[in-house]
Amino acid sequence: MFKYDLILSIILMLLMVVFVLIGVAFLTLFERKVLGYIQIRKGPNKVGMMGLFQPFSDAIKLFSKEQVYPVLSNYLMYYFCPVFSLFISLICWSCTPIFINLFSFELGLLFLLCCMSMSVYGVMVAGWSSNSNYALLGSLRAVAQTISYEVSMALILLSLMFMIESYNLFSFFLFQKYMYFFIMFFPLMLIWVSVMLAETNRTPFDFAEGESELVSGFNVEYSSGGFALIFLAEYSSILFMSMMYCLMFLGGNLFSFMFYFKLMLISFMFIWIRGSFPRFRYDKLMYLAWKGFLPFSLNLLILVVGFKIIVFTFI
């Protein structure tokens, strides 16, 4: 019996990975289309009907190109970092609270925090092993940025965890049956938007890929398959953070069509912000993270804990 359960779990996990990668492929097309219309142009529209096969065309082109690597690079680390980044990005999806109880376990929230913290190592080692000053600077920026934001992110998750009294992500769905959390936690929801953008290294916090001063940041030396894997990891993270946003603040019913519509809207917001805002200044980012979001999320955590104590005392 155990053997069949294990085989079924592996098949379902592989199916989930395949669907996430297909979602990522069409998210790239969606982004290029939306950015095109923001900049009053068409975007990709030649390959297939309205450019529908463009993501697959790009994937075939990238993976069939020759893999070039710098002579003085640390070859093994340079080669495996994109694979590690994509692996960490995909393993986060195993926490998705799907109702067949695939990998949705009691300590899902802690596992998620561990995986998100691990993702910074992929960026850091990719920049360091390239043996390029631009790549190294980009990776150092990414590390400092991630550390700054993950403190606030952990406190936001802690506030919500005290509210639902569980580490299981499925509890978000149960607790939002009658009222969405964004009504109670509206300020936290706004902070989470900034945390999402910083966690995924997206505009206006894309300092790791600062094209204007660092050419292309930590991935400047990567080409063909390695670049494609880094790209896939980034867009998989965007989809995952959008899913977490919907789960934590906008209901969380994965059986509902509206859940996926909301997920698409949040993904659209990522692209809209990219088309609208210039890059933030690095010192202002640090100021915002440590002197803005951190005290605010800490105070709100104390408020939530106090609220729960009062409820337990009088009820």
C-alpha atoms as a PDB file:
ATOM      1  CA  MET A   1       0.000   0.000   0.000  1.00  0.00           C
ATOM      2  CA  PHE A   2       2.796   2.393   0.940  1.00  0.00           C
ATOM      3  CA  LYS A   3       4.529   1.704  -2.378  1.00  0.00           C
ATOM      4  CA  TYR A   4       1.442   2.725  -4.385  1.00  0.00           C
ATOM      5  CA  ASP A   5       1.010   5.898  -2.289  1.00  0.00           C
ATOM      6  CA  LEU A   6       4.639   6.819  -2.926  1.00  0.00           C
ATOM      7  CA  ILE A   7       4.319   6.241  -6.696  1.00  0.00           C
ATOM      8  CA  LEU A   8       1.104   8.315  -6.772  1.00  0.00           C
ATOM      9  CA  SER A   9       2.799  11.155  -4.822  1.00  0.00           C
ATOM     10  CA  ILE A  10       5.762  11.185  -7.243  1.00  0.00           C
ATOM     11  CA  ILE A  11       3.452  11.241 -10.292  1.00  0.00           C
ATOM     12  CA  LEU A  12       1.365  14.070  -8.815  1.00  0.00           C
ATOM     13  CA  MET A  13       4.487  16.072  -7.912  1.00  0.00           C
ATOM     14  CA  LEU A  14       5.811  15.682 -11.464  1.00  0.00           C
ATOM     15  CA  LEU A  15       2.436  16.800 -12.837  1.00  0.00           C
ATOM     16  CA  MET A  16       2.520  19.854 -10.583  1.00  0.00           C
ATOM     17  CA  VAL A  17       6.053  20.744 -11.784  1.00  0.00           C
ATOM     18  CA  VAL A  18       4.984  20.371 -15.436  1.00  0.00           C
ATOM     19  CA  PHE A  19       1.947  22.638 -14.955  1.00  0.00           C
ATOM     20  CA  VAL A  20       3.993  25.221 -13.033  1.00  0.00           C
ATOM     21  CA  LEU A  21       6.550  25.320 -15.878  1.00  0.00           C
ATOM     22  CA  ILE A  22       3.781  25.709 -18.477  1.00  0.00           C
ATOM     23  CA  GLY A  23       2.306  28.504 -16.331  1.00  0.00           C
ATOM     24  CA  VAL A  24       5.743  30.157 -16.203  1.00  0.00           C
ATOM     25  CA  ALA A  25       6.058  29.899 -20.016  1.00  0.00           C
ATOM     26  CA  PHE A  26       2.777  31.718 -20.559  1.00  0.00           C
ATOM     27  CA  LEU A  27       3.531  34.243 -17.801  1.00  0.00           C
ATOM     28  CA  THR A  28       6.607  35.333 -19.813  1.00  0.00           C
ATOM     29  CA  LEU A  29       4.403  35.764 -22.897  1.00  0.00           C
ATOM     30  CA  PHE A  30       1.818  37.657 -20.815  1.00  0.00           C
ATOM     31  CA  GLU A  31       4.544  39.949 -19.459  1.00  0.00           C
ATOM     32  CA  ARG A  32       5.969  40.712 -22.907  1.00  0.00           C
ATOM     33  CA  LYS A  33       2.494  41.410 -24.253  1.00  0.00           C
ATOM     34  CA  VAL A  34       1.495  43.696 -21.357  1.00  0.00           C
ATOM     35  CA  LEU A  35       4.831  45.569 -21.447  1.00  0.00           C
ATOM     36  CA  GLY A  36       4.377  45.942 -25.199  1.00  0.00           C
ATOM     37  CA  TYR A  37       0.961  47.564 -24.797  1.00  0.00           C
ATOM     38  CA  ILE A  38       2.224  49.762 -21.936  1.00  0.00           C
ATOM     39  CA  GLN A  39       4.949  51.022 -24.301  1.00  0.00           C
ATOM     40  CA  ILE A  40       2.432  51.341 -27.197  1.00  0.00           C
ATOM     41  CA  ARG A  41       3.712  48.436 -29.303  1.00  0.00           C
ATOM     42  CA  LYS A  42       2.503  44.926 -30.071  1.00  0.00           C
ATOM     43  CA  GLY A  43       4.869  42.582 -28.221  1.00  0.00           C
ATOM     44  CA  PRO A  44       5.598  39.104 -29.690  1.00  0.00           C
ATOM     45  CA  ASN A  45       2.965  38.343 -32.346  1.00  0.00           C
ATOM     46  CA  LYS A  46       4.714  36.340 -35.108  1.00  0.00           C
ATOM     47  CA  VAL A  47       5.169  32.772 -33.786  1.00  0.00           C
ATOM     48  CA  GLY A  48       1.757  31.065 -33.869  1.00  0.00           C
ATOM     49  CA  MET A  49      -1.518  32.921 -33.450  1.00  0.00           C
ATOM     50  CA  MET A  50      -0.862  36.244 -31.601  1.00  0.00           C
ATOM     51  CA  GLY A  51       2.568  34.928 -30.555  1.00  0.00           C
ATOM     52  CA  LEU A  52       1.062  32.016 -28.610  1.00  0.00           C
ATOM     53  CA  PHE A  53       4.018  29.683 -29.292  1.00  0.00           C
ATOM     54  CA  GLN A  54       6.668  32.322 -28.591  1.00  0.00           C
ATOM     55  CA  PRO A  55       7.617  30.938 -25.101  1.00  0.00           C
ATOM     56  CA  PHE A  56       8.247  27.463 -26.565  1.00  0.00           C
ATOM     57  CA  SER A  57      10.233  28.983 -29.430  1.00  0.00           C
ATOM     58  CA  ASP A  58      12.400  30.886 -26.903  1.00  0.00           C
ATOM     59  CA  ALA A  59      12.903  27.755 -24.789  1.00  0.00           C
ATOM     60  CA  ILE A  60      14.031  25.674 -27.793  1.00  0.00           C
ATOM     61  CA  LYS A  61      16.385  28.462 -28.893  1.00  0.00           C
ATOM     62  CA  LEU A  62      17.948  28.877 -25.418  1.00  0.00           C
ATOM     63  CA  PHE A  63      18.393  25.185 -24.654  1.00  0.00           C
ATOM     64  CA  SER A  64      19.828  24.405 -28.092  1.00  0.00           C
ATOM     65  CA  LYS A  65      22.509  27.128 -27.901  1.00  0.00           C
ATOM     66  CA  GLU A  66      26.060  26.314 -26.856  1.00  0.00           C
ATOM     67  CA  GLN A  67      26.788  26.635 -23.126  1.00  0.00           C
ATOM     68  CA  VAL A  68      29.623  29.156 -22.746  1.00  0.00           C
ATOM     69  CA  TYR A  69      31.401  29.488 -19.403  1.00  0.00           C
ATOM     70  CA  PRO A  70      34.238  31.814 -18.272  1.00  0.00           C
ATOM     71  CA  VAL A  71      37.679  30.168 -18.157  1.00  0.00           C
ATOM     72  CA  LEU A  72      38.441  31.454 -14.643  1.00  0.00           C
ATOM     73  CA  SER A  73      35.024  30.561 -13.195  1.00  0.00           C
ATOM     74  CA  ASN A  74      34.439  27.947 -10.504  1.00  0.00           C
ATOM     75  CA  TYR A  75      32.980  25.533 -13.043  1.00  0.00           C
ATOM     76  CA  LEU A  76      30.931  23.093 -10.919  1.00  0.00           C
ATOM     77  CA  MET A  77      29.255  25.786  -8.818  1.00  0.00           C
ATOM     78  CA  TYR A  78      28.737  27.998 -11.860  1.00  0.00           C
ATOM     79  CA  TYR A  79      27.079  25.079 -13.668  1.00  0.00           C
ATOM     80  CA  PHE A  80      24.798  23.850 -10.874  1.00  0.00           C
ATOM     81  CA  CYS A  81      23.605  27.183  -9.390  1.00  0.00           C
ATOM     82  CA  PRO A  82      20.787  27.719 -11.947  1.00  0.00           C
ATOM     83  CA  VAL A  83      19.632  24.121 -11.360  1.00  0.00           C
ATOM     84  CA  PHE A  84      19.661  24.716  -7.581  1.00  0.00           C
ATOM     85  CA  SER A  85      17.707  27.992  -7.954  1.00  0.00           C
ATOM     86  CA  LEU A  86      15.002  26.319 -10.045  1.00  0.00           C
ATOM     87  CA  PHE A  87      14.861  23.319  -7.685  1.00  0.00           C
ATOM     88  CA  ILE A  88      14.319  25.564  -4.631  1.00  0.00           C
ATOM     89  CA  SER A  89      11.736  27.615  -6.516  1.00  0.00           C
ATOM     90  CA  LEU A  90       9.793  24.489  -7.528  1.00  0.00           C
ATOM     91  CA  ILE A  91      10.027  22.742  -4.153  1.00  0.00           C
ATOM     92  CA  CYS A  92       8.179  25.699  -2.580  1.00  0.00           C
ATOM     93  CA  TRP A  93       5.138  24.597  -4.592  1.00  0.00           C
ATOM     94  CA  SER A  94       4.979  21.353  -2.615  1.00  0.00           C
ATOM     95  CA  CYS A  95       3.487  23.418   0.271  1.00  0.00           C
ATOM     96  CA  THR A  96       0.443  24.311  -1.841  1.00  0.00           C
ATOM     97  CA  PRO A  97      -2.581  23.287   0.262  1.00  0.00           C
ATOM     98  CA  ILE A  98      -4.231  21.080  -2.349  1.00  0.00           C
ATOM     99  CA  PHE A  99      -7.025  18.974  -0.904  1.00  0.00           C
ATOM    100  CA  ILE A 100      -5.616  15.551  -1.822  1.00  0.00           C
ATOM    101  CA  ASN A 101      -3.022  16.051   0.953  1.00  0.00           C
ATOM    102  CA  LEU A 102      -0.041  15.580  -1.371  1.00  0.00           C
ATOM    103  CA  PHE A 103       2.663  17.355   0.624  1.00  0.00           C
ATOM    104  CA  SER A 104       0.446  19.762   2.562  1.00  0.00           C
ATOM    105  CA  PHE A 105       1.807  19.012   6.022  1.00  0.00           C
ATOM    106  CA  GLU A 106       1.416  20.579   9.463  1.00  0.00           C
ATOM    107  CA  LEU A 107       4.669  22.576   9.407  1.00  0.00           C
ATOM    108  CA  GLY A 108       4.233  23.908   5.847  1.00  0.00           C
ATOM    109  CA  LEU A 109       4.797  27.544   6.843  1.00  0.00           C
ATOM    110  CA  LEU A 110       8.170  26.776   8.472  1.00  0.00           C
ATOM    111  CA  PHE A 111       9.238  24.663   5.498  1.00  0.00           C
ATOM    112  CA  LEU A 112       8.288  27.554   3.216  1.00  0.00           C
ATOM    113  CA  LEU A 113      10.412  30.045   5.185  1.00  0.00           C
ATOM    114  CA  CYS A 114      13.392  27.664   5.029  1.00  0.00           C
ATOM    115  CA  CYS A 115      13.040  27.229   1.245  1.00  0.00           C
ATOM    116  CA  MET A 116      12.715  30.976   0.647  1.00  0.00           C
ATOM    117  CA  SER A 117      15.820  31.628   2.747  1.00  0.00           C
ATOM    118  CA  MET A 118      17.740  29.005   0.764  1.00  0.00           C
ATOM    119  CA  SER A 119      16.955  30.712  -2.550  1.00  0.00           C
ATOM    120  CA  VAL A 120      19.454  33.494  -1.787  1.00  0.00           C
ATOM    121  CA  TYR A 121      22.342  30.976  -1.876  1.00  0.00           C
ATOM    122  CA  GLY A 122      21.635  30.223  -5.536  1.00  0.00           C
ATOM    123  CA  VAL A 123      21.972  33.911  -6.450  1.00  0.00           C
ATOM    124  CA  MET A 124      24.992  34.488  -4.196  1.00  0.00           C
ATOM    125  CA  VAL A 125      27.037  31.515  -5.418  1.00  0.00           C
ATOM    126  CA  ALA A 126      26.023  32.142  -9.067  1.00  0.00           C
ATOM    127  CA  GLY A 127      27.497  35.660  -8.819  1.00  0.00           C
ATOM    128  CA  TRP A 128      30.605  34.563  -6.920  1.00  0.00           C
ATOM    129  CA  SER A 129      31.428  31.538  -9.113  1.00  0.00           C
ATOM    130  CA  SER A 130      31.197  33.601 -12.336  1.00  0.00           C
ATOM    131  CA  ASN A 131      34.434  35.379 -11.299  1.00  0.00           C
ATOM    132  CA  SER A 132      33.146  38.720 -12.618  1.00  0.00           C
ATOM    133  CA  ASN A 133      33.043  41.933 -10.602  1.00  0.00           C
ATOM    134  CA  TYR A 134      29.616  42.866 -11.984  1.00  0.00           C
ATOM    135  CA  ALA A 135      28.168  39.448 -11.092  1.00  0.00           C
ATOM    136  CA  LEU A 136      29.716  39.530  -7.607  1.00  0.00           C
ATOM    137  CA  LEU A 137      28.317  43.010  -6.878  1.00  0.00           C
ATOM    138  CA  GLY A 138      24.889  41.919  -8.103  1.00  0.00           C
ATOM    139  CA  SER A 139      24.901  38.824  -5.877  1.00  0.00           C
ATOM    140  CA  LEU A 140      26.068  40.815  -2.814  1.00  0.00           C
ATOM    141  CA  ARG A 141      23.241  43.274  -3.349  1.00  0.00           C
ATOM    142  CA  ALA A 142      20.778  40.388  -3.652  1.00  0.00           C
ATOM    143  CA  VAL A 143      21.964  38.873  -0.343  1.00  0.00           C
ATOM    144  CA  ALA A 144      21.692  42.168   1.573  1.00  0.00           C
ATOM    145  CA  GLN A 145      18.285  42.864   0.036  1.00  0.00           C
ATOM    146  CA  THR A 146      16.913  39.397   0.814  1.00  0.00           C
ATOM    147  CA  ILE A 147      18.114  39.452   4.428  1.00  0.00           C
ATOM    148  CA  SER A 148      16.580  42.917   4.922  1.00  0.00           C
ATOM    149  CA  TYR A 149      13.195  41.869   3.602  1.00  0.00           C
ATOM    150  CA  GLU A 150      12.962  38.361   5.009  1.00  0.00           C
ATOM    151  CA  VAL A 151      12.944  39.677   8.581  1.00  0.00           C
ATOM    152  CA  SER A 152       9.766  41.675   7.845  1.00  0.00           C
ATOM    153  CA  MET A 153       8.362  38.760   5.825  1.00  0.00           C
ATOM    154  CA  ALA A 154       8.853  36.348   8.740  1.00  0.00           C
ATOM    155  CA  LEU A 155       7.116  38.799  11.114  1.00  0.00           C
ATOM    156  CA  ILE A 156       4.161  39.171   8.729  1.00  0.00           C
ATOM    157  CA  LEU A 157       3.839  35.385   8.500  1.00  0.00           C
ATOM    158  CA  LEU A 158       4.143  35.170  12.306  1.00  0.00           C
ATOM    159  CA  SER A 159       1.261  37.642  12.749  1.00  0.00           C
ATOM    160  CA  LEU A 160      -0.930  35.542  10.487  1.00  0.00           C
ATOM    161  CA  MET A 161       0.288  32.335  12.143  1.00  0.00           C
ATOM    162  CA  PHE A 162      -0.779  33.634  15.579  1.00  0.00           C
ATOM    163  CA  MET A 163      -4.153  34.462  14.070  1.00  0.00           C
ATOM    164  CA  ILE A 164      -4.785  30.995  12.591  1.00  0.00           C
ATOM    165  CA  GLU A 165      -2.818  29.149  15.353  1.00  0.00           C
ATOM    166  CA  SER A 166      -1.328  26.707  12.861  1.00  0.00           C
ATOM    167  CA  TYR A 167       1.663  26.278  10.558  1.00  0.00           C
ATOM    168  CA  ASN A 168      -0.478  24.500   7.977  1.00  0.00           C
ATOM    169  CA  LEU A 169      -1.292  26.638   4.920  1.00  0.00           C
ATOM    170  CA  PHE A 170      -4.642  24.840   4.603  1.00  0.00           C
ATOM    171  CA  SER A 171      -5.780  26.722   7.750  1.00  0.00           C
ATOM    172  CA  PHE A 172      -5.765  29.989   5.746  1.00  0.00           C
ATOM    173  CA  PHE A 173      -8.613  28.595   3.656  1.00  0.00           C
ATOM    174  CA  LEU A 174     -10.568  27.442   6.751  1.00  0.00           C
ATOM    175  CA  PHE A 175     -10.186  30.750   8.620  1.00  0.00           C
ATOM    176  CA  GLN A 176     -11.244  32.902   5.648  1.00  0.00           C
ATOM    177  CA  LYS A 177     -14.533  31.151   5.065  1.00  0.00           C
ATOM    178  CA  TYR A 178     -16.606  34.151   6.242  1.00  0.00           C
ATOM    179  CA  MET A 179     -14.169  37.095   6.084  1.00  0.00           C
ATOM    180  CA  TYR A 180     -10.988  37.629   4.071  1.00  0.00           C
ATOM    181  CA  PHE A 181      -7.867  38.530   6.022  1.00  0.00           C
ATOM    182  CA  PHE A 182      -7.205  41.645   3.931  1.00  0.00           C
ATOM    183  CA  ILE A 183     -10.068  43.371   5.810  1.00  0.00           C
ATOM    184  CA  MET A 184      -8.328  42.853   9.173  1.00  0.00           C
ATOM    185  CA  PHE A 185      -4.742  43.022   7.942  1.00  0.00           C
ATOM    186  CA  PHE A 186      -4.928  45.695   5.239  1.00  0.00           C
ATOM    187  CA  PRO A 187      -1.601  47.385   6.229  1.00  0.00           C
ATOM    188  CA  LEU A 188       0.144  43.985   6.267  1.00  0.00           C
ATOM    189  CA  MET A 189      -1.249  43.259   2.812  1.00  0.00           C
ATOM    190  CA  LEU A 190       0.341  46.453   1.460  1.00  0.00           C
ATOM    191  CA  ILE A 191       3.701  45.604   3.074  1.00  0.00           C
ATOM    192  CA  TRP A 192       3.477  42.077   1.626  1.00  0.00           C
ATOM    193  CA  VAL A 193       3.257  43.590  -1.894  1.00  0.00           C
ATOM    194  CA  SER A 194       6.662  45.266  -1.382  1.00  0.00           C
ATOM    195  CA  VAL A 195       8.079  42.121   0.227  1.00  0.00           C
ATOM    196  CA  MET A 196       6.918  40.056  -2.765  1.00  0.00           C
ATOM    197  CA  LEU A 197       8.624  42.408  -5.208  1.00  0.00           C
ATOM    198  CA  ALA A 198      11.866  42.405  -3.190  1.00  0.00           C
ATOM    199  CA  GLU A 199      11.824  38.628  -2.648  1.00  0.00           C
ATOM    200  CA  THR A 200      11.510  37.961  -6.374  1.00  0.00           C
ATOM    201  CA  ASN A 201      14.084  40.661  -7.322  1.00  0.00           C
ATOM    202  CA  ARG A 202      11.578  42.542  -9.452  1.00  0.00           C
ATOM    203  CA  THR A 203      11.266  46.221 -10.388  1.00  0.00           C
ATOM    204  CA  PRO A 204      11.506  48.582  -8.503  1.00  0.00           C
ATOM    205  CA  PHE A 205      13.786  46.384  -6.321  1.00  0.00           C
ATOM    206  CA  ASP A 206      15.758  44.578  -9.052  1.00  0.00           C
ATOM    207  CA  PHE A 207      19.189  45.617  -7.715  1.00  0.00           C
ATOM    208  CA  ALA A 208      20.666  42.167  -8.333  1.00  0.00           C
ATOM    209  CA  GLU A 209      20.046  42.721 -12.066  1.00  0.00           C
ATOM    210  CA  GLY A 210      20.760  46.457 -12.210  1.00  0.00           C
ATOM    211  CA  GLU A 211      21.187  46.729 -15.993  1.00  0.00           C
ATOM    212  CA  SER A 212      22.139  50.402 -15.923  1.00  0.00           C
ATOM    213  CA  GLU A 213      25.157  49.921 -13.644  1.00  0.00           C
ATOM    214  CA  LEU A 214      25.828  46.148 -13.427  1.00  0.00           C
ATOM    215  CA  VAL A 215      25.193  45.088 -17.061  1.00  0.00           C
ATOM    216  CA  SER A 216      22.903  42.223 -15.978  1.00  0.00           C
ATOM    217  CA  GLY A 217      23.961  41.612 -12.388  1.00  0.00           C
ATOM    218  CA  PHE A 218      24.546  38.137 -10.979  1.00  0.00           C
ATOM    219  CA  ASN A 219      23.575  36.339 -14.225  1.00  0.00           C
ATOM    220  CA  VAL A 220      25.776  38.413 -16.554  1.00  0.00           C
ATOM    221  CA  GLU A 221      28.030  35.449 -17.496  1.00  0.00           C
ATOM    222  CA  TYR A 222      25.193  32.967 -18.024  1.00  0.00           C
ATOM    223  CA  SER A 223      24.010  31.992 -21.479  1.00  0.00           C
ATOM    224  CA  SER A 224      21.746  29.380 -23.119  1.00  0.00           C
ATOM    225  CA  GLY A 225      20.388  26.749 -20.668  1.00  0.00           C
ATOM    226  CA  GLY A 226      21.820  28.341 -17.491  1.00  0.00           C
ATOM    227  CA  PHE A 227      20.168  31.691 -18.263  1.00  0.00           C
ATOM    228  CA  ALA A 228      16.893  29.933 -19.118  1.00  0.00           C
ATOM    229  CA  LEU A 229      16.890  28.083 -15.756  1.00  0.00           C
ATOM    230  CA  ILE A 230      17.514  31.328 -13.800  1.00  0.00           C
ATOM    231  CA  PHE A 231      14.695  32.929 -15.794  1.00  0.00           C
ATOM    232  CA  LEU A 232      12.356  29.998 -15.029  1.00  0.00           C
ATOM    233  CA  ALA A 233      13.237  30.171 -11.312  1.00  0.00           C
ATOM    234  CA  GLU A 234      12.403  33.894 -11.175  1.00  0.00           C
ATOM    235  CA  TYR A 235       9.035  33.548 -12.894  1.00  0.00           C
ATOM    236  CA  SER A 236       8.134  30.446 -10.887  1.00  0.00           C
ATOM    237  CA  SER A 237       8.765  32.530  -7.731  1.00  0.00           C
ATOM    238  CA  ILE A 238       6.497  35.286  -9.073  1.00  0.00           C
ATOM    239  CA  LEU A 239       3.660  32.808  -9.587  1.00  0.00           C
ATOM    240  CA  PHE A 240       4.265  31.254  -6.176  1.00  0.00           C
ATOM    241  CA  MET A 241       4.306  34.603  -4.336  1.00  0.00           C
ATOM    242  CA  SER A 242       1.079  35.578  -6.168  1.00  0.00           C
ATOM    243  CA  MET A 243      -0.456  32.291  -5.012  1.00  0.00           C
ATOM    244  CA  MET A 244       0.661  32.980  -1.402  1.00  0.00           C
ATOM    245  CA  TYR A 245      -0.854  36.475  -1.593  1.00  0.00           C
ATOM    246  CA  CYS A 246      -4.226  35.050  -2.673  1.00  0.00           C
ATOM    247  CA  LEU A 247      -3.985  32.308  -0.059  1.00  0.00           C
ATOM    248  CA  MET A 248      -3.157  34.618   2.858  1.00  0.00           C
ATOM    249  CA  PHE A 249      -5.340  37.646   2.152  1.00  0.00           C
ATOM    250  CA  LEU A 250      -7.892  36.886  -0.578  1.00  0.00           C
ATOM    251  CA  GLY A 251      -9.641  33.690   0.501  1.00  0.00           C
ATOM    252  CA  GLY A 252      -7.558  30.666  -0.400  1.00  0.00           C
ATOM    253  CA  ASN A 253     -10.104  28.292  -1.919  1.00  0.00           C
ATOM    254  CA  LEU A 254      -8.074  26.403  -4.520  1.00  0.00           C
ATOM    255  CA  PHE A 255     -11.244  24.757  -5.869  1.00  0.00           C
ATOM    256  CA  SER A 256     -12.662  28.124  -6.895  1.00  0.00           C
ATOM    257  CA  PHE A 257     -12.129  29.653 -10.347  1.00  0.00           C
ATOM    258  CA  MET A 258     -11.950  33.077  -8.673  1.00  0.00           C
ATOM    259  CA  PHE A 259      -8.780  32.014  -6.823  1.00  0.00           C
ATOM    260  CA  TYR A 260      -6.934  31.575 -10.121  1.00  0.00           C
ATOM    261  CA  PHE A 261      -8.403  34.784 -11.516  1.00  0.00           C
ATOM    262  CA  LYS A 262      -7.076  36.657  -8.444  1.00  0.00           C
ATOM    263  CA  LEU A 263      -3.707  34.919  -8.867  1.00  0.00           C
ATOM    264  CA  MET A 264      -3.575  36.180 -12.464  1.00  0.00           C
ATOM    265  CA  LEU A 265      -4.440  39.718 -11.315  1.00  0.00           C
ATOM    266  CA  ILE A 266      -1.588  39.712  -8.779  1.00  0.00           C
ATOM    267  CA  SER A 267       0.809  38.429 -11.487  1.00  0.00           C
ATOM    268  CA  PHE A 268      -0.446  41.246 -13.724  1.00  0.00           C
ATOM    269  CA  MET A 269       0.316  43.703 -10.893  1.00  0.00           C
ATOM    270  CA  PHE A 270       3.989  42.559 -10.959  1.00  0.00           C
ATOM    271  CA  ILE A 271       4.166  43.396 -14.673  1.00  0.00           C
ATOM    272  CA  TRP A 272       2.234  46.654 -14.313  1.00  0.00           C
ATOM    273  CA  ILE A 273       4.653  47.829 -11.605  1.00  0.00           C
ATOM    274  CA  ARG A 274       7.594  46.906 -13.863  1.00  0.00           C
ATOM    275  CA  GLY A 275       6.146  49.007 -16.680  1.00  0.00           C
ATOM    276  CA  SER A 276       5.358  51.973 -14.415  1.00  0.00           C
ATOM    277  CA  PHE A 277       8.145  52.493 -11.864  1.00  0.00           C
ATOM    278  CA  PRO A 278      11.853  53.279 -12.148  1.00  0.00           C
ATOM    279  CA  ARG A 279      14.409  51.418 -10.010  1.00  0.00           C
ATOM    280  CA  PHE A 280      14.561  52.368  -6.332  1.00  0.00           C
ATOM    281  CA  ARG A 281      17.781  53.738  -4.825  1.00  0.00           C
ATOM    282  CA  TYR A 282      19.681  51.082  -2.858  1.00  0.00           C
ATOM    283  CA  ASP A 283      20.177  53.025   0.388  1.00  0.00           C
ATOM    284  CA  LYS A 284      16.479  53.988   0.347  1.00  0.00           C
ATOM    285  CA  LEU A 285      15.576  50.322   0.063  1.00  0.00           C
ATOM    286  CA  MET A 286      17.623  49.529   3.183  1.00  0.00           C
ATOM    287  CA  TYR A 287      16.044  52.465   5.030  1.00  0.00           C
ATOM    288  CA  LEU A 288      12.561  51.298   4.028  1.00  0.00           C
ATOM    289  CA  ALA A 289      13.225  47.687   5.081  1.00  0.00           C
ATOM    290  CA  TRP A 290      14.893  48.318   8.455  1.00  0.00           C
ATOM    291  CA  LYS A 291      13.290  51.586   9.586  1.00  0.00           C
ATOM    292  CA  GLY A 292       9.907  51.337   7.898  1.00  0.00           C
ATOM    293  CA  PHE A 293       8.603  47.810   7.463  1.00  0.00           C
ATOM    294  CA  LEU A 294      10.430  46.124  10.364  1.00  0.00           C
ATOM    295  CA  PRO A 295       9.093  48.352  13.227  1.00  0.00           C
ATOM    296  CA  PHE A 296       5.620  48.407  11.687  1.00  0.00           C
ATOM    297  CA  SER A 297       5.339  44.615  11.256  1.00  0.00           C
ATOM    298  CA  LEU A 298       6.819  44.089  14.754  1.00  0.00           C
ATOM    299  CA  ASN A 299       4.225  46.415  16.319  1.00  0.00           C
ATOM    300  CA  LEU A 300       1.436  44.710  14.429  1.00  0.00           C
ATOM    301  CA  LEU A 301       2.693  41.305  15.618  1.00  0.00           C
ATOM    302  CA  ILE A 302       2.545  42.530  19.253  1.00  0.00           C
ATOM    303  CA  LEU A 303      -0.980  43.865  18.571  1.00  0.00           C
ATOM    304  CA  VAL A 304      -2.151  40.512  17.162  1.00  0.00           C
ATOM    305  CA  VAL A 305      -0.625  38.558  20.080  1.00  0.00           C
ATOM    306  CA  GLY A 306      -2.262  40.977  22.571  1.00  0.00           C
ATOM    307  CA  PHE A 307      -5.593  40.606  20.771  1.00  0.00           C
ATOM    308  CA  LYS A 308      -5.399  36.798  20.965  1.00  0.00           C
ATOM    309  CA  ILE A 309      -4.509  36.902  24.695  1.00  0.00           C
ATOM    310  CA  ILE A 310      -7.507  39.166  25.405  1.00  0.00           C
ATOM    311  CA  VAL A 311      -9.800  36.836  23.426  1.00  0.00           C
ATOM    312  CA  PHE A 312      -8.534  33.766  25.323  1.00  0.00           C
ATOM    313  CA  THR A 313      -8.839  35.529  28.675  1.00  0.00           C
ATOM    314  CA  PHE A 314     -12.464  36.693  28.330  1.00  0.00           C
ATOM    315  CA  ILE A 315     -14.007  33.924  26.207  1.00  0.00           C
END
